[in-house]
Amino acid sequence: MYKNILVPIDLTQAEKGAAMLSVATSLADAGAKITAINVLEDLPGYVRAELPTGLVEKNTKAAKEDMAKLVKDSGVAAAIHVCDGNPAREILDHADKISADLIIVASHRPGLQDYFLGSTAARVVRHAACSVLVTR
């Protein structure tokens, strides 16, 4: 059905990530490419200046290792991409960059803050140039 699937994963909810990778496999055509992405929230410069030297790089390295373990444990052949920035913007930009034809994104039960600010999943759904599957 799909040839290029992007799966954004929140490492604080790894079990959802493994489930989404499984869904991606079931929706993928033979020879399809699956990419798992994790976006680390971008920190303002004044916050970065106060952090110990190398902490951001250490967190990025840890995220890459955690993503690699999650993908390996799920048994899915997927490329891994870790970046920092605004999660919705980075997901949408990477989907455009790799010409994704499906984004599988997790959602949670919305809280009051989501009604005012909008969740990452809602932003991806509103602005994606391809199909989006939202899982709970």
Protein backbone atom coordinates (compact mmCIF):
# COMPACT_ATOMS: atom_id res chain seq x y z
CA MET A 1 0.00 0.00 0.00
CA TYR A 2 2.75 2.50 0.94
CA LYS A 3 6.30 2.82 -0.30
CA ASN A 4 7.83 5.31 2.14
CA ILE A 5 6.56 5.46 5.73
CA LEU A 6 7.68 7.86 8.45
CA VAL A 7 7.13 6.83 12.08
CA PRO A 8 7.75 9.56 14.69
CA ILE A 9 8.56 7.97 18.05
CA ASP A 10 8.46 9.53 21.50
CA LEU A 11 11.01 7.57 23.49
CA THR A 12 9.07 8.18 26.71
CA GLN A 13 6.37 5.97 25.18
CA ALA A 14 8.53 3.28 23.58
CA GLU A 15 5.74 0.66 23.65
CA LYS A 16 3.67 2.87 21.34
CA GLY A 17 6.69 3.23 19.08
CA ALA A 18 7.09 -0.53 18.75
CA ALA A 19 3.38 -0.88 17.98
CA MET A 20 3.56 1.84 15.32
CA LEU A 21 6.54 0.14 13.68
CA SER A 22 4.50 -3.05 13.54
CA VAL A 23 1.61 -1.17 11.91
CA ALA A 24 4.06 0.36 9.43
CA THR A 25 5.27 -3.10 8.46
CA SER A 26 1.72 -4.31 7.87
CA LEU A 27 0.95 -1.31 5.63
CA ALA A 28 4.21 -1.33 3.69
CA ASP A 29 4.56 -2.61 0.14
CA ALA A 30 7.29 -5.09 -0.64
CA GLY A 31 10.56 -3.15 -0.70
CA ALA A 32 9.06 -0.18 1.13
CA LYS A 33 11.26 2.08 3.24
CA ILE A 34 10.34 2.74 6.87
CA THR A 35 12.01 5.60 8.74
CA ALA A 36 11.76 6.02 12.51
CA ILE A 37 12.31 9.60 13.69
CA ASN A 38 12.78 11.05 17.16
CA VAL A 39 12.74 14.79 17.70
CA LEU A 40 14.41 16.23 20.77
CA GLU A 41 12.70 19.42 21.86
CA ASP A 42 14.87 22.40 20.92
CA LEU A 43 16.14 24.41 23.87
CA PRO A 44 16.39 28.21 23.78
CA GLY A 45 19.93 29.58 23.61
CA TYR A 46 19.79 31.05 27.10
CA VAL A 47 18.97 27.58 28.49
CA ARG A 48 21.68 25.85 26.45
CA ALA A 49 24.22 28.34 27.78
CA GLU A 50 23.51 27.19 31.34
CA LEU A 51 23.76 23.46 30.60
CA PRO A 52 26.95 21.52 31.28
CA THR A 53 29.22 21.22 28.26
CA GLY A 54 28.34 18.23 26.10
CA LEU A 55 24.94 17.51 27.69
CA VAL A 56 22.97 18.13 24.49
CA GLU A 57 25.32 15.93 22.49
CA LYS A 58 25.11 13.24 25.19
CA ASN A 59 21.30 13.31 25.05
CA THR A 60 21.34 13.10 21.24
CA LYS A 61 23.70 10.12 21.37
CA ALA A 62 21.49 8.41 23.99
CA ALA A 63 18.39 9.01 21.85
CA LYS A 64 20.11 7.44 18.82
CA GLU A 65 21.09 4.41 20.89
CA ASP A 66 17.57 4.08 22.33
CA MET A 67 16.04 4.35 18.86
CA ALA A 68 18.43 1.72 17.49
CA LYS A 69 17.52 -0.65 20.34
CA LEU A 70 13.79 -0.04 19.87
CA VAL A 71 13.98 -0.69 16.12
CA LYS A 72 16.15 -3.79 16.61
CA ASP A 73 13.85 -5.19 19.33
CA SER A 74 10.79 -4.61 17.14
CA GLY A 75 12.32 -6.68 14.34
CA VAL A 76 11.51 -4.02 11.75
CA ALA A 77 14.08 -2.93 9.19
CA ALA A 78 13.89 0.83 9.58
CA ALA A 79 16.20 3.76 9.06
CA ILE A 80 16.70 5.97 12.11
CA HIS A 81 16.76 9.76 12.22
CA VAL A 82 17.27 11.82 15.40
CA CYS A 83 17.16 15.60 15.34
CA ASP A 84 16.25 18.55 17.53
CA GLY A 85 13.73 21.31 17.00
CA ASN A 86 9.98 21.75 17.05
CA PRO A 87 8.58 18.20 16.85
CA ALA A 88 5.72 18.88 14.42
CA ARG A 89 7.87 21.04 12.13
CA GLU A 90 10.75 18.54 12.11
CA ILE A 91 8.40 15.62 11.38
CA LEU A 92 6.77 17.47 8.50
CA ASP A 93 10.11 18.67 7.10
CA HIS A 94 11.59 15.16 7.23
CA ALA A 95 8.46 13.70 5.62
CA ASP A 96 8.91 16.14 2.73
CA LYS A 97 12.65 15.45 2.55
CA ILE A 98 12.18 11.68 2.18
CA SER A 99 8.98 11.97 0.11
CA ALA A 100 6.96 10.00 2.65
CA ASP A 101 3.57 8.80 1.46
CA LEU A 102 2.39 7.94 5.01
CA ILE A 103 3.12 9.26 8.49
CA ILE A 104 2.08 7.09 11.42
CA VAL A 105 1.87 9.25 14.52
CA ALA A 106 0.77 8.46 18.07
CA SER A 107 -1.77 10.51 19.91
CA HIS A 108 -2.77 10.67 23.52
CA ARG A 109 -5.88 11.73 25.29
CA PRO A 110 -5.83 15.51 24.97
CA GLY A 111 -5.45 17.63 28.06
CA LEU A 112 -6.51 21.20 28.47
CA GLN A 113 -3.15 22.49 27.21
CA ASP A 114 -3.70 20.68 23.89
CA TYR A 115 -6.89 22.59 23.23
CA PHE A 116 -5.03 25.89 23.48
CA LEU A 117 -1.68 24.97 21.96
CA GLY A 118 -2.47 21.93 19.79
CA SER A 119 -0.68 18.64 20.03
CA THR A 120 2.08 17.45 17.73
CA ALA A 121 -0.24 14.88 16.19
CA ALA A 122 -2.88 17.52 15.46
CA ARG A 123 -0.33 19.78 13.78
CA VAL A 124 1.02 16.92 11.68
CA VAL A 125 -2.51 15.96 10.60
CA ARG A 126 -3.36 19.55 9.63
CA HIS A 127 -0.19 20.29 7.69
CA ALA A 128 1.07 17.01 6.20
CA ALA A 129 1.28 16.73 2.43
CA CYS A 130 0.72 12.97 2.64
CA SER A 131 -1.62 10.55 4.39
CA VAL A 132 -1.45 10.44 8.19
CA LEU A 133 -2.52 7.54 10.39
CA VAL A 134 -3.09 8.49 14.03
CA THR A 135 -2.85 5.68 16.57
CA ARG A 136 -3.87 5.62 20.22
